[in-house]
C-alpha cells in the first residue's frame, strides 16, 4: 500500500494610472494513482461535484483525473463531506505510486476537509495537460457517524478551473479602478497600444489595503510571471514601472 504523507484570495482593490503610453501589463494580487498503465480512472469536470465512497477494508484511496487547458490561470480542488480524516494528493502527467515521492502537491492536515489550489505562477506552477488526484482515507477501521458505524466512507470532490482573463484596453492618462475577486485567478490583464514615437513608459498601480505587483511584457496577451520583461514586486501597496 502506498504511504500517506498538509483559501480563497480575499477581495482587494486595484487602481492603475498610466502616466505615458505603455505596454501590456498584468496586475497580480500578492496574497490543483493506481498501477502504471491503467488509465480508466473517473474524471473530474469543473463545476460538477463528484460523490464517492472509500471502503475501510479496501485500498483506501481513489484516483481521479482532469485536464487543464493552456489558458488556465488557477485550479482549485476541494474535498468535502467526509465524516473522518481524508487527504488529497496531486500530480501532473502520471499516476502516483508513492505519495511521499511522487505527489507534487499534498494536503493532509488531519481534518475532514482539504483544498488544493495551484496557480500558473505558483510553486509548482500550473501546467496544461492531464492531472491525477488521489483521495486517501486515513482510517482502517469502521468510522463512527452518529449512531452508526460506517465501513464505506462518503465524500464529495469539487473542481474549479479559472481561465486567464482577457486583456482590458487601457488608455494612457485614464485611471482604471478594479476589484480582485476569488474567481479572477489572482490577476488582471491590460493592453495598451504604444506609438512608434513614444520615448517613455510609466505604469503605476496602487491598492487601498493590499500588496499588488506589476508584471509587464510586450507582444503577448498572457503573462506568466516568469515571462515578464519588467516587474515591480515590493511589499508595498503601490508599485511603479518606468
Protein backbone atom coordinates (compact mmCIF):
# COMPACT_ATOMS: atom_id res chain seq x y z
CA UNK A 1 0.00 0.00 0.00
CA UNK A 2 1.24 3.46 -0.75
CA UNK A 3 2.41 5.74 2.02
CA UNK A 4 0.38 8.65 3.21
CA UNK A 5 2.28 11.83 3.72
CA UNK A 6 -0.53 19.39 4.55
CA UNK A 7 -8.10 29.84 0.56
CA UNK A 8 -9.50 31.68 -1.47
CA UNK A 9 -7.92 35.03 -2.11
CA UNK A 10 -9.67 37.91 -0.37
CA UNK A 11 -11.04 40.72 -2.44
CA UNK A 12 -8.53 43.53 -2.99
CA UNK A 13 -8.71 46.86 -4.77
CA UNK A 14 -6.56 47.55 -7.82
CA UNK A 15 -6.16 51.07 -9.23
CA UNK A 16 -3.94 51.66 -12.27
CA UNK A 17 -2.80 55.01 -13.67
CA UNK A 18 -0.87 55.24 -16.93
CA UNK A 19 1.34 58.33 -16.94
CA UNK A 20 2.51 57.81 -20.53
CA UNK A 21 1.83 55.39 -23.34
CA UNK A 22 2.61 51.86 -22.28
CA UNK A 23 2.62 48.13 -22.98
CA UNK A 24 0.69 45.06 -21.96
CA UNK A 25 0.69 44.57 -18.22
CA UNK A 26 -0.73 42.25 -15.60
CA UNK A 27 -1.62 43.21 -12.05
CA UNK A 28 -1.38 40.37 -9.53
CA UNK A 29 -2.82 40.11 -6.05
CA UNK A 30 0.04 39.12 -3.77
CA UNK A 31 -1.52 37.32 -1.22
CA UNK A 32 -4.54 21.79 -8.28
CA UNK A 33 -2.68 6.51 -8.77
CA UNK A 34 -3.02 3.38 -9.41
CA UNK A 35 -0.96 0.78 -11.20
CA UNK A 36 1.09 2.28 -14.05
CA UNK A 37 -0.52 1.85 -17.45
CA UNK A 38 -4.08 1.75 -16.16
CA UNK A 39 -5.80 4.91 -17.35
CA UNK A 40 -9.51 4.20 -16.84
CA UNK A 41 -9.84 6.49 -13.82
CA UNK A 42 -13.02 8.51 -13.24
CA UNK A 43 -12.74 12.10 -14.47
CA UNK A 44 -13.49 15.42 -12.81
CA UNK A 45 -15.23 18.27 -14.63
CA UNK A 46 -15.22 21.91 -13.50
CA UNK A 47 -18.33 22.84 -11.55
CA UNK A 48 -19.63 19.26 -11.31
CA UNK A 49 -19.35 17.79 -7.77
CA UNK A 50 -18.45 14.09 -7.68
CA UNK A 51 -19.73 12.00 -4.78
CA UNK A 52 -17.90 8.81 -3.88
CA UNK A 53 -17.12 6.38 -1.09
CA UNK A 54 -13.95 4.65 0.07
CA UNK A 55 -14.03 1.32 1.93
CA UNK A 56 -12.06 0.99 5.16
CA UNK A 57 -11.25 -2.60 4.18
CA UNK A 58 -10.07 -1.90 0.62
CA UNK A 59 -7.21 0.07 -0.93
CA UNK A 60 -8.41 3.15 0.99
CA UNK A 61 -7.89 5.57 -1.89
CA UNK A 62 -9.46 6.55 -5.21
CA UNK A 63 -7.75 8.18 -8.20
CA UNK A 64 -9.35 10.79 -10.45
CA UNK A 65 -8.10 12.68 -13.49
CA UNK A 66 -8.85 16.08 -15.03
CA UNK A 67 -7.46 18.14 -17.89
CA UNK A 68 -6.18 21.70 -17.66
CA UNK A 69 -6.42 23.91 -20.79
CA UNK A 70 -3.45 26.06 -21.85
CA UNK A 71 -5.36 29.22 -20.91
CA UNK A 72 -6.00 28.22 -17.27
CA UNK A 73 -4.68 30.54 -14.57
CA UNK A 74 -5.82 28.69 -11.45
CA UNK A 75 -7.14 25.28 -10.40
CA UNK A 76 -8.84 24.52 -7.09
CA UNK A 77 -9.81 21.05 -5.84
CA UNK A 78 -11.98 20.75 -2.75
CA UNK A 79 -12.63 17.64 -0.66
CA UNK A 80 -15.82 17.94 1.39
CA UNK A 81 -18.50 15.88 3.14
CA UNK A 82 -16.37 13.23 4.86
CA UNK A 83 -17.10 12.28 8.48
CA UNK A 84 -13.41 11.48 9.10
CA UNK A 85 -9.89 12.41 8.04
CA UNK A 86 -9.21 12.24 4.30
CA UNK A 87 -6.24 13.54 2.31
CA UNK A 88 -5.56 14.89 -1.19
CA UNK A 89 -2.54 14.24 -3.45
CA UNK A 90 -1.92 15.75 -6.88
CA UNK A 91 0.48 15.05 -9.75
CA UNK A 92 0.76 16.18 -13.37
CA UNK A 93 1.20 13.74 -16.22
CA UNK A 94 1.28 10.36 -14.45
CA UNK A 95 -0.43 8.37 -11.71
CA UNK A 96 1.28 8.23 -8.34
CA UNK A 97 2.93 5.12 -6.95
CA UNK A 98 4.14 6.66 -3.67
CA UNK A 99 2.70 9.88 -2.31
CA UNK A 100 5.86 10.72 -0.41
CA UNK A 101 8.00 10.83 -3.56
CA UNK A 102 5.53 11.30 -6.43
CA UNK A 103 2.95 13.85 -5.26
CA UNK A 104 3.64 17.40 -6.45
CA UNK A 105 1.04 18.85 -4.07
CA UNK A 106 -0.47 17.24 -0.97
CA UNK A 107 -2.95 18.24 1.71
CA UNK A 108 -3.08 16.05 4.82
CA UNK A 109 -3.95 18.35 7.70
CA UNK A 110 -5.75 15.66 9.72
CA UNK A 111 -9.12 17.32 9.05
CA UNK A 112 -12.20 16.07 7.22
CA UNK A 113 -11.96 18.78 4.53
CA UNK A 114 -8.97 19.61 2.34
CA UNK A 115 -8.33 22.07 -0.51
CA UNK A 116 -5.59 22.18 -3.14
CA UNK A 117 -5.07 25.40 -5.08
CA UNK A 118 -2.44 25.59 -7.82
CA UNK A 119 -1.78 28.66 -9.98
CA UNK A 120 0.13 29.25 -13.20
CA UNK A 121 2.74 31.20 -11.24
CA UNK A 122 2.73 29.07 -8.12
CA UNK A 123 5.25 26.50 -6.95
CA UNK A 124 4.81 24.08 -8.54
CA UNK A 125 3.35 26.03 -11.44
CA UNK A 126 0.07 25.00 -13.01
CA UNK A 127 0.62 23.27 -16.37
CA UNK A 128 -1.65 22.36 -19.23
CA UNK A 129 -2.50 18.69 -19.66
CA UNK A 130 -3.63 15.75 -17.58
CA UNK A 131 -3.58 15.80 -13.77
CA UNK A 132 -4.08 12.91 -11.36
CA UNK A 133 -5.61 13.45 -7.93
CA UNK A 134 -5.84 10.81 -5.20
CA UNK A 135 -8.39 10.90 -2.39
CA UNK A 136 -6.99 8.93 0.54
CA UNK A 137 -8.76 7.61 3.64
CA UNK A 138 -6.74 7.61 6.86
CA UNK A 139 -8.97 5.19 8.81
CA UNK A 140 -8.52 1.41 8.54
CA UNK A 141 -11.42 0.56 10.88
CA UNK A 142 -15.16 1.40 10.74
CA UNK A 143 -15.86 5.06 11.48
CA UNK A 144 -18.48 6.20 13.99
CA UNK A 145 -21.04 8.54 12.45
CA UNK A 146 -23.92 9.42 14.73
CA UNK A 147 -25.35 6.11 15.95
CA UNK A 148 -23.90 4.13 13.03
CA UNK A 149 -20.56 2.60 12.15
CA UNK A 150 -19.53 3.23 8.56
CA UNK A 151 -17.39 0.89 6.51
CA UNK A 152 -17.96 2.91 3.33
CA UNK A 153 -16.84 6.48 3.94
CA UNK A 154 -18.61 9.13 1.80
CA UNK A 155 -17.05 12.29 0.39
CA UNK A 156 -17.58 14.92 -2.30
CA UNK A 157 -14.86 16.17 -4.64
CA UNK A 158 -15.17 19.51 -6.47
CA UNK A 159 -13.03 21.02 -9.22
CA UNK A 160 -12.83 24.64 -10.36
CA UNK A 161 -10.66 25.87 -13.25
CA UNK A 162 -10.24 29.64 -13.63
CA UNK A 163 -9.39 30.80 -17.13
CA UNK A 164 -6.87 33.59 -17.64
CA UNK A 165 -8.74 36.88 -18.05
CA UNK A 166 -8.90 38.56 -21.42
CA UNK A 167 -6.90 41.80 -21.63
CA UNK A 168 -8.81 45.02 -20.99
CA UNK A 169 -7.95 48.05 -23.11
CA UNK A 170 -6.23 50.80 -21.12
CA UNK A 171 -5.91 54.42 -22.29
CA UNK A 172 -2.87 56.50 -21.27
CA UNK A 173 -3.83 59.18 -18.76
CA UNK A 174 -7.10 57.48 -17.80
CA UNK A 175 -7.15 55.73 -14.38
CA UNK A 176 -8.71 52.26 -14.15
CA UNK A 177 -10.48 51.13 -10.98
CA UNK A 178 -10.79 47.36 -10.50
CA UNK A 179 -11.52 44.81 -7.77
CA UNK A 180 -9.89 41.40 -7.36
CA UNK A 181 -12.40 38.65 -6.63
CA UNK A 182 -11.81 34.97 -5.79
CA UNK A 183 -12.80 33.83 -9.29
CA UNK A 184 -10.31 36.11 -11.06
CA UNK A 185 -7.33 33.76 -10.83
CA UNK A 186 -5.40 36.34 -8.76
CA UNK A 187 -4.59 38.71 -11.58
CA UNK A 188 -5.97 41.18 -14.12
CA UNK A 189 -4.55 41.84 -17.56
CA UNK A 190 -4.49 45.11 -19.50
CA UNK A 191 -3.36 46.05 -23.01
CA UNK A 192 -2.13 49.44 -24.20
CA UNK A 193 -1.02 50.35 -27.70
CA UNK A 194 2.31 52.17 -27.78
CA UNK A 195 3.05 54.54 -30.65
CA UNK A 196 6.31 54.26 -32.56
CA UNK A 197 7.42 57.69 -31.35
CA UNK A 198 6.90 57.06 -27.63
CA UNK A 199 10.03 57.92 -25.61
CA UNK A 200 8.97 56.78 -22.14
CA UNK A 201 6.68 54.38 -20.32
CA UNK A 202 5.35 54.72 -16.79
CA UNK A 203 2.76 52.49 -15.13
CA UNK A 204 1.51 52.97 -11.55
CA UNK A 205 -0.66 50.63 -9.53
CA UNK A 206 -1.94 51.16 -6.01
CA UNK A 207 -4.25 49.43 -3.58
CA UNK A 208 -6.24 50.79 -0.69
CA UNK A 209 -5.29 47.89 1.55
CA UNK A 210 -3.31 45.08 -0.13
CA UNK A 211 0.08 44.40 -1.71
CA UNK A 212 -0.12 44.42 -5.52
CA UNK A 213 2.60 43.58 -8.03
CA UNK A 214 3.20 44.59 -11.66
CA UNK A 215 4.35 42.33 -14.49
CA UNK A 216 4.79 43.77 -17.98
CA UNK A 217 5.51 42.12 -21.29
CA UNK A 218 5.49 43.32 -24.88
CA UNK A 219 3.63 41.43 -27.59
CA UNK A 220 1.71 38.84 -25.54
CA UNK A 221 -1.78 38.71 -24.06
CA UNK A 222 -0.91 36.06 -21.50
CA UNK A 223 1.79 36.80 -18.91
CA UNK A 224 3.07 34.08 -16.63
CA UNK A 225 5.26 35.98 -14.20
CA UNK A 226 8.37 34.11 -15.30
CA UNK A 227 7.94 35.55 -18.83
CA UNK A 228 7.61 39.21 -17.83
CA UNK A 229 10.07 41.73 -19.29
CA UNK A 230 9.64 44.22 -16.40
CA UNK A 231 8.45 43.64 -12.84
CA UNK A 232 7.75 45.59 -9.64
CA UNK A 233 7.23 43.34 -6.61
CA UNK A 234 7.95 45.19 -3.38
CA UNK A 235 5.80 44.58 -0.30
CA UNK A 236 4.16 47.97 -0.58
CA UNK A 237 0.59 48.76 -1.68
CA UNK A 238 1.91 50.93 -4.52
CA UNK A 239 4.18 49.96 -7.43
CA UNK A 240 5.55 51.78 -10.46
CA UNK A 241 7.49 50.77 -13.57
CA UNK A 242 9.27 53.38 -15.68
